[in-house]
């Protein structure tokens, strides 16, 4: 029982050797199978947790981008009037850092073109 983890993880038994092992050590073989299942389940759990964390991070980033884009479009509409299609497309494709630059610059920009050409 002491070496089951070692045998299960580090031995590269072929099919014949695996069958011999199971025949000679039936109790250990069952324990080894249980260990493999546990390790597999732990790996799956870690993978799922990583996936959830990455999904949450992407969701937060997307939410920030959408919120800042909406705020910028509102401010542009108030300052310059109706938002042209080209400007809306440029805002929607911009990342958070670029949107932040534009949000700060809207106070000092004289035209929509000069605002959105800042990087």
N, C-alpha and C. Protein backbone atom coordinates (compact mmCIF):
# COMPACT_ATOMS: atom_id res chain seq x y z
N UNK A 1 0.83 -1.20 0.00
CA UNK A 1 0.00 0.00 0.00
C UNK A 1 0.88 1.26 0.00
N UNK A 2 2.04 1.17 0.62
CA UNK A 2 2.92 2.31 0.75
C UNK A 2 3.38 2.85 -0.60
N UNK A 3 3.54 1.98 -1.59
CA UNK A 3 4.11 2.38 -2.87
C UNK A 3 3.10 2.46 -4.01
N UNK A 4 1.81 2.40 -3.69
CA UNK A 4 0.79 2.40 -4.73
C UNK A 4 0.85 3.67 -5.56
N UNK A 5 0.97 4.83 -4.92
CA UNK A 5 1.04 6.08 -5.67
C UNK A 5 2.21 6.06 -6.64
N UNK A 6 3.36 5.60 -6.15
CA UNK A 6 4.55 5.55 -7.00
C UNK A 6 4.33 4.64 -8.20
N UNK A 7 3.80 3.44 -7.96
CA UNK A 7 3.57 2.48 -9.04
C UNK A 7 2.59 3.05 -10.05
N UNK A 8 1.51 3.62 -9.55
CA UNK A 8 0.47 4.13 -10.43
C UNK A 8 0.97 5.30 -11.29
N UNK A 9 1.71 6.20 -10.69
CA UNK A 9 2.12 7.41 -11.38
C UNK A 9 3.35 7.20 -12.25
N UNK A 10 4.35 6.47 -11.75
CA UNK A 10 5.64 6.43 -12.43
C UNK A 10 5.92 5.16 -13.23
N UNK A 11 5.17 4.12 -13.02
CA UNK A 11 5.46 2.91 -13.80
C UNK A 11 4.77 2.98 -15.15
N UNK A 12 5.45 2.52 -16.12
CA UNK A 12 4.89 2.50 -17.47
C UNK A 12 4.59 1.05 -17.82
N UNK A 13 3.55 0.50 -17.22
CA UNK A 13 3.22 -0.90 -17.44
C UNK A 13 2.50 -1.05 -18.77
N UNK A 14 2.92 -2.08 -19.54
CA UNK A 14 2.16 -2.37 -20.75
C UNK A 14 0.92 -3.16 -20.37
N UNK A 15 0.11 -3.55 -21.33
CA UNK A 15 -1.15 -4.24 -21.03
C UNK A 15 -0.94 -5.55 -20.30
N UNK A 16 0.06 -6.34 -20.72
CA UNK A 16 0.33 -7.63 -20.05
C UNK A 16 0.78 -7.41 -18.61
N UNK A 17 1.67 -6.47 -18.40
CA UNK A 17 2.15 -6.19 -17.04
C UNK A 17 1.02 -5.67 -16.15
N UNK A 18 0.14 -4.86 -16.71
CA UNK A 18 -0.99 -4.35 -15.94
C UNK A 18 -1.89 -5.50 -15.52
N UNK A 19 -2.15 -6.44 -16.42
CA UNK A 19 -2.99 -7.60 -16.09
C UNK A 19 -2.32 -8.47 -15.02
N UNK A 20 -1.01 -8.68 -15.14
CA UNK A 20 -0.28 -9.45 -14.12
C UNK A 20 -0.37 -8.76 -12.76
N UNK A 21 -0.19 -7.46 -12.76
CA UNK A 21 -0.26 -6.70 -11.51
C UNK A 21 -1.63 -6.86 -10.87
N UNK A 22 -2.68 -6.73 -11.68
CA UNK A 22 -4.05 -6.85 -11.16
C UNK A 22 -4.31 -8.25 -10.61
N UNK A 23 -3.75 -9.27 -11.28
CA UNK A 23 -3.95 -10.65 -10.82
C UNK A 23 -3.21 -10.91 -9.52
N UNK A 24 -2.00 -10.40 -9.39
CA UNK A 24 -1.19 -10.66 -8.20
C UNK A 24 -1.60 -9.77 -7.02
N UNK A 25 -2.07 -8.57 -7.30
CA UNK A 25 -2.38 -7.61 -6.23
C UNK A 25 -3.77 -7.00 -6.46
N UNK A 26 -4.83 -7.80 -6.30
CA UNK A 26 -6.17 -7.28 -6.61
C UNK A 26 -6.58 -6.10 -5.73
N UNK A 27 -6.27 -6.14 -4.44
CA UNK A 27 -6.67 -5.04 -3.55
C UNK A 27 -5.91 -3.76 -3.91
N UNK A 28 -4.62 -3.88 -4.14
CA UNK A 28 -3.82 -2.72 -4.50
C UNK A 28 -4.25 -2.17 -5.86
N UNK A 29 -4.62 -3.06 -6.76
CA UNK A 29 -5.07 -2.63 -8.07
C UNK A 29 -6.32 -1.77 -7.96
N UNK A 30 -7.25 -2.17 -7.09
CA UNK A 30 -8.46 -1.37 -6.88
C UNK A 30 -8.13 -0.02 -6.27
N UNK A 31 -7.20 -0.02 -5.31
CA UNK A 31 -6.80 1.23 -4.68
C UNK A 31 -6.11 2.13 -5.70
N UNK A 32 -5.30 1.52 -6.56
CA UNK A 32 -4.59 2.29 -7.59
C UNK A 32 -5.60 2.92 -8.56
N UNK A 33 -6.61 2.17 -8.92
CA UNK A 33 -7.63 2.72 -9.81
C UNK A 33 -8.34 3.88 -9.15
N UNK A 34 -8.61 3.75 -7.86
CA UNK A 34 -9.27 4.83 -7.13
C UNK A 34 -8.38 6.07 -7.10
N UNK A 35 -7.08 5.88 -6.90
CA UNK A 35 -6.14 7.00 -6.90
C UNK A 35 -6.15 7.69 -8.26
N UNK A 36 -6.11 6.91 -9.32
CA UNK A 36 -6.13 7.49 -10.66
C UNK A 36 -7.39 8.31 -10.87
N UNK A 37 -8.51 7.78 -10.46
CA UNK A 37 -9.77 8.50 -10.60
C UNK A 37 -9.75 9.80 -9.80
N UNK A 38 -9.20 9.74 -8.57
CA UNK A 38 -9.14 10.93 -7.73
C UNK A 38 -8.25 12.00 -8.38
N UNK A 39 -7.09 11.58 -8.87
CA UNK A 39 -6.18 12.53 -9.51
C UNK A 39 -6.82 13.12 -10.77
N UNK A 40 -7.50 12.29 -11.53
CA UNK A 40 -8.18 12.76 -12.73
C UNK A 40 -9.27 13.78 -12.35
N UNK A 41 -10.04 13.47 -11.31
CA UNK A 41 -11.10 14.38 -10.86
C UNK A 41 -10.51 15.70 -10.37
N UNK A 42 -9.39 15.62 -9.63
CA UNK A 42 -8.74 16.84 -9.15
C UNK A 42 -8.26 17.68 -10.32
N UNK A 43 -7.71 17.04 -11.34
CA UNK A 43 -7.25 17.77 -12.53
C UNK A 43 -8.40 18.43 -13.25
N UNK A 44 -9.51 17.72 -13.36
CA UNK A 44 -10.68 18.30 -14.00
C UNK A 44 -11.21 19.47 -13.19
N UNK A 45 -11.22 19.33 -11.87
CA UNK A 45 -11.70 20.41 -11.00
C UNK A 45 -10.83 21.65 -11.16
N UNK A 46 -9.51 21.47 -11.19
CA UNK A 46 -8.61 22.61 -11.39
C UNK A 46 -8.84 23.27 -12.73
N UNK A 47 -9.02 22.45 -13.77
CA UNK A 47 -9.26 22.98 -15.10
C UNK A 47 -10.56 23.77 -15.15
N UNK A 48 -11.59 23.25 -14.52
CA UNK A 48 -12.87 23.96 -14.49
C UNK A 48 -12.74 25.26 -13.73
N UNK A 49 -12.03 25.24 -12.61
CA UNK A 49 -11.85 26.45 -11.81
C UNK A 49 -11.09 27.51 -12.61
N UNK A 50 -10.05 27.09 -13.33
CA UNK A 50 -9.30 28.03 -14.16
C UNK A 50 -10.20 28.62 -15.24
N UNK A 51 -11.02 27.78 -15.83
CA UNK A 51 -11.94 28.25 -16.87
C UNK A 51 -12.92 29.27 -16.34
N UNK A 52 -13.45 29.02 -15.14
CA UNK A 52 -14.39 29.97 -14.53
C UNK A 52 -13.69 31.28 -14.23
N UNK A 53 -12.48 31.21 -13.67
CA UNK A 53 -11.74 32.43 -13.36
C UNK A 53 -11.43 33.23 -14.62
N UNK A 54 -11.02 32.55 -15.68
CA UNK A 54 -10.73 33.26 -16.93
C UNK A 54 -12.00 33.86 -17.51
N UNK A 55 -13.09 33.13 -17.42
CA UNK A 55 -14.37 33.64 -17.92
C UNK A 55 -14.82 34.86 -17.15
N UNK A 56 -14.64 34.83 -15.83
CA UNK A 56 -15.01 35.98 -15.00
C UNK A 56 -14.15 37.19 -15.35
N UNK A 57 -12.86 36.97 -15.53
CA UNK A 57 -11.95 38.07 -15.88
C UNK A 57 -12.34 38.67 -17.22
N UNK A 58 -12.63 37.81 -18.19
CA UNK A 58 -13.05 38.31 -19.50
C UNK A 58 -14.36 39.08 -19.40
N UNK A 59 -15.27 38.58 -18.56
CA UNK A 59 -16.55 39.26 -18.36
C UNK A 59 -16.37 40.63 -17.74
N UNK A 60 -15.48 40.73 -16.76
CA UNK A 60 -15.21 42.02 -16.13
C UNK A 60 -14.62 43.00 -17.14
N UNK A 61 -13.65 42.53 -17.92
CA UNK A 61 -13.02 43.39 -18.93
C UNK A 61 -14.04 43.83 -19.97
N UNK A 62 -14.88 42.91 -20.40
CA UNK A 62 -15.89 43.26 -21.40
C UNK A 62 -16.90 44.25 -20.82
N UNK A 63 -17.28 44.04 -19.55
CA UNK A 63 -18.20 44.96 -18.90
C UNK A 63 -17.61 46.36 -18.77
N UNK A 64 -16.33 46.44 -18.43
CA UNK A 64 -15.66 47.74 -18.33
C UNK A 64 -15.64 48.43 -19.68
N UNK A 65 -15.31 47.67 -20.72
CA UNK A 65 -15.26 48.24 -22.07
C UNK A 65 -16.63 48.75 -22.47
N UNK A 66 -17.66 47.98 -22.24
CA UNK A 66 -19.01 48.38 -22.64
C UNK A 66 -19.48 49.60 -21.84
N UNK A 67 -19.16 49.64 -20.55
CA UNK A 67 -19.56 50.77 -19.72
C UNK A 67 -18.88 52.06 -20.13
N UNK A 68 -17.58 51.98 -20.38
CA UNK A 68 -16.84 53.17 -20.79
C UNK A 68 -17.26 53.61 -22.18
N UNK A 69 -17.52 52.66 -23.07
CA UNK A 69 -17.98 53.00 -24.42
C UNK A 69 -19.33 53.71 -24.35
N UNK A 70 -20.23 53.22 -23.51
CA UNK A 70 -21.55 53.84 -23.38
C UNK A 70 -21.43 55.25 -22.81
N UNK A 71 -20.57 55.43 -21.81
CA UNK A 71 -20.37 56.76 -21.22
C UNK A 71 -19.79 57.73 -22.26
N UNK A 72 -18.82 57.27 -23.02
CA UNK A 72 -18.20 58.12 -24.04
C UNK A 72 -19.22 58.50 -25.11
N UNK A 73 -20.02 57.55 -25.56
CA UNK A 73 -21.02 57.86 -26.58
C UNK A 73 -22.04 58.88 -26.06
N UNK A 74 -22.40 58.76 -24.82
CA UNK A 74 -23.33 59.73 -24.22
C UNK A 74 -22.71 61.12 -24.17
N UNK A 75 -21.47 61.21 -23.73
CA UNK A 75 -20.79 62.51 -23.66
C UNK A 75 -20.59 63.12 -25.05
N UNK A 76 -20.25 62.28 -26.02
CA UNK A 76 -20.08 62.78 -27.39
C UNK A 76 -21.40 63.33 -27.91
N UNK A 77 -22.48 62.61 -27.67
CA UNK A 77 -23.80 63.07 -28.12
C UNK A 77 -24.16 64.41 -27.48
N UNK A 78 -23.84 64.56 -26.21
CA UNK A 78 -24.15 65.81 -25.52
C UNK A 78 -23.30 66.97 -26.04
N UNK A 79 -22.03 66.69 -26.35
CA UNK A 79 -21.13 67.76 -26.75
C UNK A 79 -21.17 68.04 -28.26
N UNK A 80 -21.21 66.99 -29.09
CA UNK A 80 -21.08 67.17 -30.53
C UNK A 80 -22.35 66.83 -31.31
N UNK A 81 -23.36 66.34 -30.68
CA UNK A 81 -24.59 65.96 -31.37
C UNK A 81 -24.59 64.47 -31.70
N UNK A 82 -25.41 64.12 -32.69
CA UNK A 82 -25.58 62.71 -33.04
C UNK A 82 -24.26 62.05 -33.42
N UNK A 83 -24.09 60.82 -32.93
CA UNK A 83 -22.86 60.07 -33.15
C UNK A 83 -22.87 59.43 -34.55
N UNK A 84 -21.91 59.77 -35.41
CA UNK A 84 -21.85 59.15 -36.74
C UNK A 84 -21.50 57.66 -36.64
N UNK A 85 -21.86 56.91 -37.67
CA UNK A 85 -21.61 55.46 -37.67
C UNK A 85 -20.12 55.13 -37.56
N UNK A 86 -19.28 55.90 -38.26
CA UNK A 86 -17.85 55.63 -38.21
C UNK A 86 -17.30 55.79 -36.80
N UNK A 87 -17.82 56.78 -36.07
CA UNK A 87 -17.34 57.02 -34.70
C UNK A 87 -17.83 55.91 -33.77
N UNK A 88 -19.07 55.48 -33.96
CA UNK A 88 -19.59 54.39 -33.14
C UNK A 88 -18.78 53.11 -33.34
N UNK A 89 -18.45 52.82 -34.59
CA UNK A 89 -17.65 51.63 -34.88
C UNK A 89 -16.27 51.73 -34.23
N UNK A 90 -15.67 52.92 -34.30
CA UNK A 90 -14.34 53.11 -33.71
C UNK A 90 -14.40 52.95 -32.19
N UNK A 91 -15.43 53.47 -31.57
CA UNK A 91 -15.58 53.36 -30.12
C UNK A 91 -15.81 51.92 -29.71
N UNK A 92 -16.67 51.20 -30.43
CA UNK A 92 -16.98 49.81 -30.10
C UNK A 92 -15.77 48.90 -30.22
N UNK A 93 -14.86 49.21 -31.12
CA UNK A 93 -13.69 48.35 -31.31
C UNK A 93 -12.51 48.76 -30.43
N UNK A 94 -12.65 49.85 -29.70
CA UNK A 94 -11.55 50.34 -28.86
C UNK A 94 -11.46 49.55 -27.56
N UNK A 95 -10.25 49.47 -27.03
CA UNK A 95 -10.03 48.85 -25.74
C UNK A 95 -10.21 49.85 -24.61
N UNK A 96 -10.19 49.36 -23.39
CA UNK A 96 -10.40 50.20 -22.21
C UNK A 96 -9.37 51.33 -22.12
N UNK A 97 -8.08 51.08 -22.34
CA UNK A 97 -7.11 52.19 -22.22
C UNK A 97 -7.40 53.34 -23.20
N UNK A 98 -7.75 52.99 -24.43
CA UNK A 98 -8.05 54.02 -25.43
C UNK A 98 -9.33 54.78 -25.05
N UNK A 99 -10.33 54.06 -24.57
CA UNK A 99 -11.58 54.70 -24.15
C UNK A 99 -11.32 55.68 -23.00
N UNK A 100 -10.44 55.30 -22.09
CA UNK A 100 -10.12 56.18 -20.97
C UNK A 100 -9.45 57.47 -21.45
N UNK A 101 -8.58 57.36 -22.43
CA UNK A 101 -7.94 58.55 -23.01
C UNK A 101 -9.00 59.47 -23.60
N UNK A 102 -9.93 58.89 -24.35
CA UNK A 102 -10.98 59.69 -24.99
C UNK A 102 -11.92 60.31 -23.96
N UNK A 103 -12.23 59.57 -22.89
CA UNK A 103 -13.10 60.11 -21.85
C UNK A 103 -12.47 61.34 -21.19
N UNK A 104 -11.17 61.30 -20.98
CA UNK A 104 -10.48 62.44 -20.39
C UNK A 104 -10.36 63.60 -21.38
N UNK A 105 -10.14 63.26 -22.64
CA UNK A 105 -9.88 64.29 -23.65
C UNK A 105 -11.15 64.98 -24.14
N UNK A 106 -12.30 64.44 -23.89
CA UNK A 106 -13.53 65.04 -24.43
C UNK A 106 -13.75 66.45 -23.89
N UNK A 107 -13.26 66.72 -22.70
CA UNK A 107 -13.45 68.04 -22.11
C UNK A 107 -12.69 69.13 -22.86
N UNK A 108 -11.57 68.75 -23.48
CA UNK A 108 -10.74 69.76 -24.15
C UNK A 108 -10.77 69.66 -25.68
N UNK A 109 -11.47 68.68 -26.23
CA UNK A 109 -11.52 68.52 -27.68
C UNK A 109 -12.55 69.46 -28.29
N UNK A 110 -12.17 70.04 -29.44
CA UNK A 110 -13.06 70.96 -30.14
C UNK A 110 -13.94 70.25 -31.16
N UNK A 111 -13.45 69.11 -31.68
CA UNK A 111 -14.23 68.37 -32.68
C UNK A 111 -14.18 66.89 -32.36
N UNK A 112 -15.16 66.18 -32.88
CA UNK A 112 -15.20 64.71 -32.71
C UNK A 112 -13.98 64.07 -33.36
N UNK A 113 -13.62 64.56 -34.52
CA UNK A 113 -12.47 64.00 -35.24
C UNK A 113 -11.19 64.16 -34.43
N UNK A 114 -10.99 65.34 -33.84
CA UNK A 114 -9.76 65.53 -33.07
C UNK A 114 -9.75 64.66 -31.80
N UNK A 115 -10.93 64.42 -31.25
CA UNK A 115 -11.04 63.57 -30.06
C UNK A 115 -10.64 62.13 -30.40
N UNK A 116 -11.23 61.55 -31.42
CA UNK A 116 -11.02 60.14 -31.72
C UNK A 116 -9.72 59.85 -32.45
N UNK A 117 -8.99 60.89 -32.84
CA UNK A 117 -7.67 60.67 -33.45
C UNK A 117 -6.57 60.72 -32.43
N UNK A 118 -6.90 60.89 -31.16
CA UNK A 118 -5.90 60.84 -30.08
C UNK A 118 -5.64 59.39 -29.70
N UNK A 119 -4.42 59.07 -29.41
CA UNK A 119 -4.10 57.70 -28.98
C UNK A 119 -3.17 57.75 -27.83
